[in-house]
Structures are given as C-alpha cells and as structure tokens.
N, C-alpha and C. Protein backbone atom coordinates (compact mmCIF):
# COMPACT_ATOMS: atom_id res chain seq x y z
N UNK A 1 0.85 -1.16 0.00
CA UNK A 1 0.00 0.00 0.00
C UNK A 1 0.90 1.23 0.00
N UNK A 2 0.42 2.28 -0.62
CA UNK A 2 1.21 3.50 -0.70
C UNK A 2 0.51 4.61 0.10
N UNK A 3 1.30 5.38 0.79
CA UNK A 3 0.78 6.55 1.48
C UNK A 3 1.58 7.75 1.00
N UNK A 4 0.86 8.82 0.66
CA UNK A 4 1.50 10.04 0.21
C UNK A 4 1.19 11.12 1.24
N UNK A 5 2.23 11.62 1.87
CA UNK A 5 2.09 12.67 2.87
C UNK A 5 2.51 13.99 2.24
N UNK A 6 1.62 14.96 2.25
CA UNK A 6 1.89 16.25 1.61
C UNK A 6 1.93 17.35 2.67
N UNK A 7 2.98 18.14 2.59
CA UNK A 7 3.10 19.32 3.45
C UNK A 7 3.28 20.52 2.52
N UNK A 8 2.32 21.42 2.54
CA UNK A 8 2.36 22.58 1.65
C UNK A 8 2.50 23.87 2.46
N UNK A 9 3.45 24.68 2.06
CA UNK A 9 3.62 26.00 2.65
C UNK A 9 2.47 26.89 2.18
N UNK A 10 2.18 27.96 2.93
CA UNK A 10 1.04 28.83 2.60
C UNK A 10 1.04 29.38 1.17
N UNK A 11 2.22 29.64 0.60
CA UNK A 11 2.22 30.22 -0.75
C UNK A 11 1.73 29.23 -1.82
N UNK A 12 1.55 27.97 -1.44
CA UNK A 12 0.99 26.97 -2.37
C UNK A 12 -0.54 26.93 -2.27
N UNK A 13 -1.12 27.64 -1.35
CA UNK A 13 -2.57 27.62 -1.17
C UNK A 13 -3.23 28.45 -2.26
N UNK A 14 -3.62 27.77 -3.32
CA UNK A 14 -4.23 28.46 -4.46
C UNK A 14 -5.55 27.80 -4.88
N UNK A 15 -6.12 27.00 -3.99
CA UNK A 15 -7.38 26.33 -4.30
C UNK A 15 -7.19 24.94 -4.88
N UNK A 16 -5.96 24.56 -5.18
CA UNK A 16 -5.67 23.23 -5.71
C UNK A 16 -5.69 22.22 -4.57
N UNK A 17 -6.27 21.06 -4.83
CA UNK A 17 -6.23 19.97 -3.86
C UNK A 17 -4.91 19.25 -4.05
N UNK A 18 -3.85 19.75 -3.40
CA UNK A 18 -2.50 19.23 -3.60
C UNK A 18 -2.35 17.79 -3.13
N UNK A 19 -3.09 17.43 -2.09
CA UNK A 19 -3.00 16.05 -1.61
C UNK A 19 -3.53 15.07 -2.67
N UNK A 20 -4.70 15.37 -3.22
CA UNK A 20 -5.27 14.52 -4.26
C UNK A 20 -4.35 14.46 -5.48
N UNK A 21 -3.87 15.61 -5.91
CA UNK A 21 -2.98 15.68 -7.06
C UNK A 21 -1.72 14.85 -6.82
N UNK A 22 -1.13 14.96 -5.64
CA UNK A 22 0.09 14.22 -5.32
C UNK A 22 -0.15 12.72 -5.30
N UNK A 23 -1.25 12.29 -4.71
CA UNK A 23 -1.58 10.85 -4.68
C UNK A 23 -1.75 10.33 -6.11
N UNK A 24 -2.47 11.07 -6.93
CA UNK A 24 -2.68 10.64 -8.32
C UNK A 24 -1.36 10.58 -9.08
N UNK A 25 -0.49 11.57 -8.89
CA UNK A 25 0.79 11.61 -9.61
C UNK A 25 1.70 10.46 -9.17
N UNK A 26 1.81 10.24 -7.87
CA UNK A 26 2.66 9.15 -7.36
C UNK A 26 2.14 7.81 -7.86
N UNK A 27 0.83 7.61 -7.76
CA UNK A 27 0.22 6.35 -8.20
C UNK A 27 0.44 6.12 -9.69
N UNK A 28 0.22 7.15 -10.50
CA UNK A 28 0.41 7.02 -11.95
C UNK A 28 1.85 6.68 -12.28
N UNK A 29 2.78 7.33 -11.61
CA UNK A 29 4.21 7.05 -11.86
C UNK A 29 4.54 5.61 -11.50
N UNK A 30 4.07 5.17 -10.35
CA UNK A 30 4.39 3.80 -9.90
C UNK A 30 3.80 2.75 -10.83
N UNK A 31 2.61 3.03 -11.36
CA UNK A 31 1.95 2.06 -12.26
C UNK A 31 2.73 1.84 -13.56
N UNK A 32 3.59 2.78 -13.92
CA UNK A 32 4.35 2.65 -15.17
C UNK A 32 5.61 1.81 -14.99
N UNK A 33 5.89 1.40 -13.77
CA UNK A 33 7.15 0.72 -13.47
C UNK A 33 6.90 -0.73 -13.03
N UNK A 34 7.96 -1.52 -12.96
CA UNK A 34 7.82 -2.88 -12.43
C UNK A 34 7.48 -2.90 -10.94
N UNK A 35 7.46 -1.75 -10.30
CA UNK A 35 7.17 -1.66 -8.87
C UNK A 35 5.70 -1.36 -8.59
N UNK A 36 4.84 -1.50 -9.58
CA UNK A 36 3.41 -1.19 -9.42
C UNK A 36 2.77 -2.03 -8.33
N UNK A 37 3.27 -3.24 -8.10
CA UNK A 37 2.70 -4.11 -7.07
C UNK A 37 2.79 -3.47 -5.69
N UNK A 38 3.70 -2.54 -5.52
CA UNK A 38 3.86 -1.84 -4.25
C UNK A 38 2.57 -1.11 -3.87
N UNK A 39 1.78 -0.71 -4.86
CA UNK A 39 0.55 0.03 -4.59
C UNK A 39 -0.44 -0.81 -3.79
N UNK A 40 -0.39 -2.12 -3.95
CA UNK A 40 -1.34 -3.01 -3.28
C UNK A 40 -0.66 -3.95 -2.29
N UNK A 41 0.59 -3.70 -1.98
CA UNK A 41 1.35 -4.57 -1.09
C UNK A 41 0.80 -4.51 0.33
N UNK A 42 1.12 -5.52 1.12
CA UNK A 42 0.66 -5.59 2.50
C UNK A 42 1.37 -4.56 3.38
N UNK A 43 2.58 -4.19 3.02
CA UNK A 43 3.31 -3.21 3.80
C UNK A 43 2.98 -1.80 3.31
N UNK A 44 3.29 -0.81 4.14
CA UNK A 44 3.03 0.59 3.81
C UNK A 44 4.31 1.24 3.31
N UNK A 45 4.26 1.76 2.10
CA UNK A 45 5.38 2.53 1.55
C UNK A 45 4.93 3.99 1.50
N UNK A 46 5.75 4.87 2.06
CA UNK A 46 5.37 6.27 2.12
C UNK A 46 6.26 7.14 1.24
N UNK A 47 5.62 8.07 0.57
CA UNK A 47 6.31 9.13 -0.16
C UNK A 47 5.92 10.44 0.51
N UNK A 48 6.91 11.21 0.88
CA UNK A 48 6.68 12.50 1.52
C UNK A 48 6.91 13.59 0.48
N UNK A 49 5.93 14.48 0.36
CA UNK A 49 6.04 15.57 -0.61
C UNK A 49 5.94 16.90 0.13
N UNK A 50 6.93 17.73 -0.10
CA UNK A 50 6.96 19.07 0.51
C UNK A 50 6.86 20.10 -0.60
N UNK A 51 5.87 20.95 -0.47
CA UNK A 51 5.67 22.05 -1.41
C UNK A 51 6.12 23.30 -0.68
N UNK A 52 7.23 23.86 -1.12
CA UNK A 52 7.85 24.95 -0.38
C UNK A 52 8.25 26.08 -1.32
N UNK A 53 9.11 26.96 -0.83
CA UNK A 53 9.52 28.11 -1.62
C UNK A 53 10.90 27.91 -2.25
N UNK A 54 11.26 28.81 -3.12
CA UNK A 54 12.54 28.72 -3.82
C UNK A 54 13.73 28.79 -2.87
N UNK A 55 13.61 29.58 -1.81
CA UNK A 55 14.74 29.73 -0.88
C UNK A 55 15.10 28.40 -0.22
N UNK A 56 14.10 27.66 0.23
CA UNK A 56 14.37 26.38 0.87
C UNK A 56 14.98 25.39 -0.12
N UNK A 57 14.43 25.33 -1.32
CA UNK A 57 14.97 24.42 -2.33
C UNK A 57 16.38 24.84 -2.73
N UNK A 58 16.61 26.14 -2.81
CA UNK A 58 17.95 26.65 -3.12
C UNK A 58 18.95 26.14 -2.07
N UNK A 59 18.59 26.28 -0.80
CA UNK A 59 19.49 25.83 0.28
C UNK A 59 19.74 24.32 0.21
N UNK A 60 18.71 23.55 -0.05
CA UNK A 60 18.86 22.09 -0.16
C UNK A 60 19.70 21.72 -1.38
N UNK A 61 19.47 22.40 -2.48
CA UNK A 61 20.21 22.13 -3.71
C UNK A 61 21.70 22.44 -3.52
N UNK A 62 21.97 23.52 -2.81
CA UNK A 62 23.36 23.90 -2.51
C UNK A 62 24.00 22.87 -1.58
N UNK A 63 23.27 22.49 -0.56
CA UNK A 63 23.82 21.57 0.45
C UNK A 63 24.04 20.16 -0.09
N UNK A 64 23.07 19.64 -0.84
CA UNK A 64 23.14 18.23 -1.24
C UNK A 64 23.63 17.99 -2.66
N UNK A 65 23.53 19.01 -3.51
CA UNK A 65 23.95 18.82 -4.91
C UNK A 65 25.04 19.80 -5.33
N UNK A 66 25.46 20.66 -4.42
CA UNK A 66 26.48 21.67 -4.68
C UNK A 66 26.11 22.55 -5.88
N UNK A 67 24.83 22.83 -6.01
CA UNK A 67 24.34 23.73 -7.06
C UNK A 67 23.69 24.92 -6.36
N UNK A 68 24.27 26.10 -6.56
CA UNK A 68 23.87 27.29 -5.83
C UNK A 68 22.73 28.03 -6.54
N UNK A 69 21.61 27.35 -6.65
CA UNK A 69 20.41 27.94 -7.25
C UNK A 69 19.21 27.07 -6.90
N UNK A 70 18.02 27.66 -6.97
CA UNK A 70 16.84 26.82 -6.77
C UNK A 70 16.62 25.97 -8.01
N UNK A 71 15.95 24.87 -7.85
CA UNK A 71 15.57 24.01 -8.96
C UNK A 71 14.09 23.68 -8.79
N UNK A 72 13.48 23.09 -9.78
CA UNK A 72 12.05 22.84 -9.71
C UNK A 72 11.68 21.73 -8.73
N UNK A 73 12.44 20.62 -8.75
CA UNK A 73 12.12 19.49 -7.89
C UNK A 73 13.40 18.81 -7.43
N UNK A 74 13.39 18.39 -6.18
CA UNK A 74 14.47 17.59 -5.63
C UNK A 74 13.86 16.30 -5.11
N UNK A 75 14.58 15.20 -5.30
CA UNK A 75 14.14 13.90 -4.78
C UNK A 75 15.24 13.34 -3.90
N UNK A 76 14.84 12.82 -2.77
CA UNK A 76 15.77 12.21 -1.84
C UNK A 76 15.31 10.78 -1.54
N UNK A 77 15.79 9.82 -2.32
CA UNK A 77 15.41 8.42 -2.08
C UNK A 77 15.93 7.95 -0.73
N UNK A 78 15.13 7.15 -0.04
CA UNK A 78 15.53 6.59 1.25
C UNK A 78 15.84 5.10 1.15
N UNK A 79 15.56 4.52 -0.03
CA UNK A 79 15.82 3.10 -0.25
C UNK A 79 16.70 2.98 -1.49
N UNK A 80 17.78 2.24 -1.36
CA UNK A 80 18.63 2.00 -2.53
C UNK A 80 17.81 1.27 -3.58
N UNK A 81 17.98 1.68 -4.85
CA UNK A 81 17.15 1.10 -5.90
C UNK A 81 17.29 -0.42 -6.01
N UNK A 82 18.44 -0.98 -5.65
CA UNK A 82 18.60 -2.43 -5.73
C UNK A 82 17.94 -3.16 -4.56
N UNK A 83 17.39 -2.41 -3.60
CA UNK A 83 16.70 -3.02 -2.46
C UNK A 83 15.18 -2.85 -2.52
N UNK A 84 14.68 -2.13 -3.52
CA UNK A 84 13.25 -1.85 -3.60
C UNK A 84 12.43 -3.12 -3.69
N UNK A 85 12.90 -4.12 -4.42
CA UNK A 85 12.15 -5.37 -4.56
C UNK A 85 11.93 -6.08 -3.22
N UNK A 86 12.81 -5.89 -2.26
CA UNK A 86 12.71 -6.59 -0.99
C UNK A 86 11.99 -5.81 0.10
N UNK A 87 11.26 -4.77 -0.25
CA UNK A 87 10.65 -3.91 0.77
C UNK A 87 9.62 -4.63 1.63
N UNK A 88 9.00 -5.66 1.13
CA UNK A 88 7.97 -6.32 1.93
C UNK A 88 8.57 -7.07 3.12
N UNK A 89 9.88 -7.11 3.22
CA UNK A 89 10.55 -7.75 4.34
C UNK A 89 10.93 -6.77 5.43
N UNK A 90 10.41 -5.55 5.36
CA UNK A 90 10.77 -4.57 6.38
C UNK A 90 10.26 -5.03 7.75
N UNK A 91 10.97 -4.66 8.78
CA UNK A 91 10.66 -5.14 10.13
C UNK A 91 9.29 -4.72 10.63
N UNK A 92 8.91 -3.49 10.41
CA UNK A 92 7.66 -3.01 10.98
C UNK A 92 6.54 -2.86 9.95
N UNK A 93 6.75 -3.31 8.73
CA UNK A 93 5.72 -3.23 7.71
C UNK A 93 5.56 -1.86 7.10
N UNK A 94 6.46 -0.93 7.41
CA UNK A 94 6.41 0.41 6.85
C UNK A 94 7.78 0.80 6.34
N UNK A 95 7.80 1.54 5.26
CA UNK A 95 9.07 2.01 4.72
C UNK A 95 8.87 3.37 4.08
N UNK A 96 9.81 4.26 4.29
CA UNK A 96 9.78 5.57 3.65
C UNK A 96 10.57 5.47 2.36
N UNK A 97 9.87 5.58 1.22
CA UNK A 97 10.56 5.55 -0.07
C UNK A 97 11.44 6.77 -0.25
N UNK A 98 10.96 7.91 0.21
CA UNK A 98 11.76 9.11 0.10
C UNK A 98 10.93 10.38 0.08
N UNK A 99 11.65 11.48 -0.13
CA UNK A 99 11.06 12.81 -0.12
C UNK A 99 11.16 13.45 -1.49
N UNK A 100 10.11 14.17 -1.84
CA UNK A 100 10.07 14.97 -3.07
C UNK A 100 9.76 16.39 -2.63
N UNK A 101 10.55 17.34 -3.12
CA UNK A 101 10.40 18.73 -2.69
C UNK A 101 10.29 19.61 -3.93
N UNK A 102 9.22 20.40 -4.00
CA UNK A 102 8.99 21.31 -5.13
C UNK A 102 9.14 22.75 -4.69
N UNK A 103 9.72 23.58 -5.56
CA UNK A 103 9.89 25.01 -5.31
C UNK A 103 8.79 25.78 -6.03
N UNK A 104 7.99 26.50 -5.28
CA UNK A 104 6.83 27.21 -5.83
C UNK A 104 7.20 28.18 -6.96
N UNK A 105 8.14 29.07 -6.71
CA UNK A 105 8.46 30.09 -7.71
C UNK A 105 8.96 29.49 -9.01
N UNK A 106 9.86 28.52 -8.91
CA UNK A 106 10.39 27.87 -10.11
C UNK A 106 9.27 27.15 -10.85
N UNK A 107 8.43 26.46 -10.10
CA UNK A 107 7.32 25.72 -10.70
C UNK A 107 6.35 26.66 -11.44
N UNK A 108 6.02 27.77 -10.80
CA UNK A 108 5.11 28.74 -11.42
C UNK A 108 5.72 29.33 -12.68
N UNK A 109 7.00 29.71 -12.61
CA UNK A 109 7.67 30.30 -13.79
C UNK A 109 7.73 29.30 -14.94
N UNK A 110 8.12 28.06 -14.65
CA UNK A 110 8.22 27.06 -15.71
C UNK A 110 6.85 26.75 -16.31
N UNK A 111 5.83 26.69 -15.48
CA UNK A 111 4.48 26.43 -16.00
C UNK A 111 4.07 27.56 -16.96
N UNK A 112 4.36 28.80 -16.58
CA UNK A 112 4.02 29.95 -17.44
C UNK A 112 4.78 29.87 -18.76
N UNK A 113 6.06 29.51 -18.69
CA UNK A 113 6.87 29.39 -19.91
C UNK A 113 6.32 28.30 -20.84
N UNK A 114 5.80 27.24 -20.25
CA UNK A 114 5.25 26.13 -21.04
C UNK A 114 3.80 26.38 -21.45
N UNK A 115 3.18 27.38 -20.84
CA UNK A 115 1.79 27.68 -21.15
C UNK A 115 0.82 26.65 -20.58
N UNK A 116 1.16 26.11 -19.41
CA UNK A 116 0.29 25.13 -18.75
C UNK A 116 -0.02 25.60 -17.34
N UNK A 117 -1.10 25.09 -16.76
CA UNK A 117 -1.40 25.46 -15.38
C UNK A 117 -0.32 24.96 -14.42
N UNK A 118 -0.12 25.69 -13.33
CA UNK A 118 0.88 25.31 -12.34
C UNK A 118 0.62 23.89 -11.82
N UNK A 119 -0.62 23.56 -11.57
CA UNK A 119 -0.95 22.22 -11.05
C UNK A 119 -0.53 21.13 -12.02
N UNK A 120 -0.67 21.38 -13.31
CA UNK A 120 -0.27 20.39 -14.31
C UNK A 120 1.25 20.20 -14.30
N UNK A 121 1.97 21.29 -14.23
CA UNK A 121 3.43 21.20 -14.19
C UNK A 121 3.89 20.53 -12.90
N UNK A 122 3.26 20.87 -11.79
CA UNK A 122 3.60 20.25 -10.51
C UNK A 122 3.33 18.74 -10.56
N UNK A 123 2.27 18.34 -11.22
CA UNK A 123 1.98 16.91 -11.39
C UNK A 123 3.13 16.23 -12.11
N UNK A 124 3.59 16.85 -13.19
CA UNK A 124 4.73 16.30 -13.93
C UNK A 124 5.95 16.19 -13.01
N UNK A 125 6.21 17.20 -12.23
CA UNK A 125 7.38 17.18 -11.36
C UNK A 125 7.27 16.10 -10.28
N UNK A 126 6.07 15.86 -9.78
CA UNK A 126 5.87 14.80 -8.79
C UNK A 126 6.05 13.43 -9.44
N UNK A 127 5.55 13.25 -10.65
CA UNK A 127 5.78 11.99 -11.38
C UNK A 127 7.29 11.80 -11.55
N UNK A 128 7.96 12.83 -12.00
CA UNK A 128 9.41 12.79 -12.21
C UNK A 128 10.14 12.42 -10.91
N UNK A 129 9.77 13.09 -9.83
CA UNK A 129 10.39 12.83 -8.54
C UNK A 129 10.14 11.42 -8.04
N UNK A 130 8.93 10.92 -8.26
CA UNK A 130 8.60 9.54 -7.85
C UNK A 130 9.48 8.54 -8.58
N UNK A 131 9.68 8.76 -9.87
CA UNK A 131 10.54 7.85 -10.63
C UNK A 131 11.97 7.87 -10.08
N UNK A 132 12.44 9.03 -9.67
CA UNK A 132 13.76 9.09 -9.02
C UNK A 132 13.78 8.24 -7.75
N UNK A 133 12.71 8.31 -6.96
CA UNK A 133 12.65 7.52 -5.73
C UNK A 133 12.71 6.02 -6.02
N UNK A 134 12.25 5.64 -7.21
CA UNK A 134 12.23 4.23 -7.60
C UNK A 134 13.50 3.81 -8.34
N UNK A 135 14.48 4.70 -8.38
CA UNK A 135 15.78 4.34 -8.95
C UNK A 135 16.02 4.78 -10.38
N UNK A 136 15.09 5.50 -10.97
CA UNK A 136 15.28 5.98 -12.34
C UNK A 136 16.10 7.26 -12.32
N UNK A 137 16.84 7.46 -13.39
CA UNK A 137 17.69 8.65 -13.48
C UNK A 137 17.76 9.11 -14.92
N UNK A 138 18.39 10.25 -15.15
CA UNK A 138 18.49 10.80 -16.51
C UNK A 138 19.88 11.38 -16.76
N UNK A 139 20.88 10.75 -16.16
CA UNK A 139 22.26 11.22 -16.35
C UNK A 139 22.73 10.89 -17.76
N UNK A 140 22.52 9.66 -18.17
CA UNK A 140 22.90 9.23 -19.53
C UNK A 140 21.71 9.42 -20.46
N UNK A 141 21.98 9.61 -21.75
CA UNK A 141 20.90 9.86 -22.72
C UNK A 141 19.87 8.74 -22.75
N UNK A 142 20.33 7.48 -22.72
CA UNK A 142 19.39 6.37 -22.80
C UNK A 142 18.53 6.30 -21.53
N UNK A 143 19.11 6.63 -20.38
CA UNK A 143 18.34 6.68 -19.13
C UNK A 143 17.31 7.80 -19.19
N UNK A 144 17.71 8.94 -19.72
CA UNK A 144 16.81 10.09 -19.82
C UNK A 144 15.63 9.75 -20.72
N UNK A 145 15.90 9.12 -21.84
CA UNK A 145 14.84 8.75 -22.77
C UNK A 145 13.87 7.76 -22.13
N UNK A 146 14.39 6.77 -21.43
CA UNK A 146 13.54 5.78 -20.77
C UNK A 146 12.68 6.44 -19.69
N UNK A 147 13.29 7.34 -18.92
CA UNK A 147 12.55 8.01 -17.86
C UNK A 147 11.46 8.92 -18.44
N UNK A 148 11.80 9.65 -19.48
CA UNK A 148 10.81 10.52 -20.13
C UNK A 148 9.65 9.71 -20.69
N UNK A 149 9.94 8.54 -21.25
CA UNK A 149 8.88 7.67 -21.76
C UNK A 149 7.92 7.27 -20.64
N UNK A 150 8.46 6.92 -19.48
CA UNK A 150 7.62 6.56 -18.34
C UNK A 150 6.79 7.75 -17.88
N UNK A 151 7.39 8.92 -17.88
CA UNK A 151 6.66 10.13 -17.50
C UNK A 151 5.51 10.38 -18.46
N UNK A 152 5.77 10.24 -19.75
CA UNK A 152 4.71 10.46 -20.75
C UNK A 152 3.53 9.53 -20.52
N UNK A 153 3.83 8.25 -20.27
CA UNK A 153 2.77 7.26 -20.05
C UNK A 153 1.98 7.61 -18.79
N UNK A 154 2.68 7.90 -17.70
CA UNK A 154 2.01 8.24 -16.44
C UNK A 154 1.14 9.47 -16.61
N UNK A 155 1.67 10.50 -17.22
CA UNK A 155 0.92 11.75 -17.39
C UNK A 155 -0.28 11.56 -18.32
N UNK A 156 -0.13 10.74 -19.34
CA UNK A 156 -1.24 10.48 -20.25
C UNK A 156 -2.42 9.84 -19.51
N UNK A 157 -2.13 8.98 -18.53
CA UNK A 157 -3.21 8.36 -17.75
C UNK A 157 -3.95 9.40 -16.91
N UNK A 158 -3.31 10.54 -16.68
CA UNK A 158 -3.92 11.63 -15.92
C UNK A 158 -4.50 12.71 -16.83
N UNK A 159 -4.46 12.46 -18.14
CA UNK A 159 -5.00 13.42 -19.10
C UNK A 159 -4.09 14.61 -19.35
N UNK A 160 -2.80 14.43 -19.11
CA UNK A 160 -1.83 15.52 -19.31
C UNK A 160 -0.99 15.23 -20.53
N UNK A 161 -0.87 16.22 -21.41
CA UNK A 161 -0.10 16.08 -22.65
C UNK A 161 1.39 15.91 -22.38
N UNK A 162 2.07 15.40 -23.37
CA UNK A 162 3.52 15.16 -23.33
C UNK A 162 4.26 16.46 -23.00
N UNK A 163 4.91 16.52 -21.84
CA UNK A 163 5.62 17.74 -21.48
C UNK A 163 6.92 17.95 -22.25
N UNK A 164 7.33 16.91 -22.98
CA UNK A 164 8.58 17.00 -23.73
C UNK A 164 8.35 17.24 -25.22
N UNK A 165 7.09 17.35 -25.61
CA UNK A 165 6.77 17.60 -27.02
C UNK A 165 7.34 18.95 -27.44
N UNK A 166 7.94 18.97 -28.58
CA UNK A 166 8.49 20.21 -29.11
C UNK A 166 7.40 20.90 -29.90
N UNK A 167 7.11 22.14 -29.50
CA UNK A 167 6.09 22.92 -30.19
C UNK A 167 6.75 24.04 -30.97
N UNK A 168 6.19 24.31 -32.11
CA UNK A 168 6.73 25.38 -32.94
C UNK A 168 5.93 26.65 -32.70
N UNK A 169 6.64 27.76 -32.63
CA UNK A 169 5.97 29.05 -32.37
C UNK A 169 5.28 29.58 -33.59
C-alpha cells in the first residue's frame, strides 16, 4: 500500500487539492514501473512531498547537490534502488521511499513558460520525482529517454499532454 504525505507551505494555497494531485501523480508514476505491485502490497510505503519556496529548495540544492540555485524538484530516495524489490521484508511493515520537494516560484515560472497550469506542471514534477525515488535517473541519454517515456505514459493516464513535445511558435 502506498501513502503520500503532503506538506504545503502557505504560498501553495491556491485552491488546488495538492493532496489529491500528489496521490494521483505518485500512483500514476508507480503504475508505469515494475514496482506497481507496491501500490497493493501488505506493507506501507510512504512518499513524503513538501511544497515549499525557492529559498528552501535553493538551500537544499546547494547543500546536497552543490548547485547554488533553486531548482524545480528535488528527490531524496531513502531506499537503494537495488533493495526496492525486498521492501515487503521490512521489520515493521512500513518504509519511507523518500522525499520529493517542489519550489513554488520555479514551478510557477516554468508552467508559465510552457503555457500550462501550475498544477499540471507540478503533477509532472511529482511523477518525475517519484521515478527518481524508484531508482530511475536521466544522467545518460538512454536513461533520460527511458525516464521521459515513463513520465509520458504516467501523465497520459492523468490526461496531461507530453511535457517533452516540441512545439513550434
């Protein structure tokens, strides 16, 4: 079973049901992977999502990635990707998959640049972050392509268009 815990700072209060959106995004992302069985497993797997400001994400990005700027989303996996298959053997039946942190200002700016609602872009970022928690990455070109394909499939199930589609002006 999956649990999604959402903590939103006041500047994210825009009428969006962030908890529902986060649950849908995490679930859609997981369904695209071989780890979909985790959604119905006997143990509880938790994803923590923090919706915060650019300053906090900037500080985390500097501290953990040595990048002195805010970014749209950070993911902090708590389980090594080669151990994900064995999660049902956890001692107490609960496991924290990891944390996903979104920066409001960056998210709003990127959504405006793409011409999509902020909630839609945030959904994409949560799908992206969830895939990172499950061991996916985009360092190499082939990894990036595979991860983007999973994102496209997950987002399509939520009625969201391909965020990587190239549009002509």
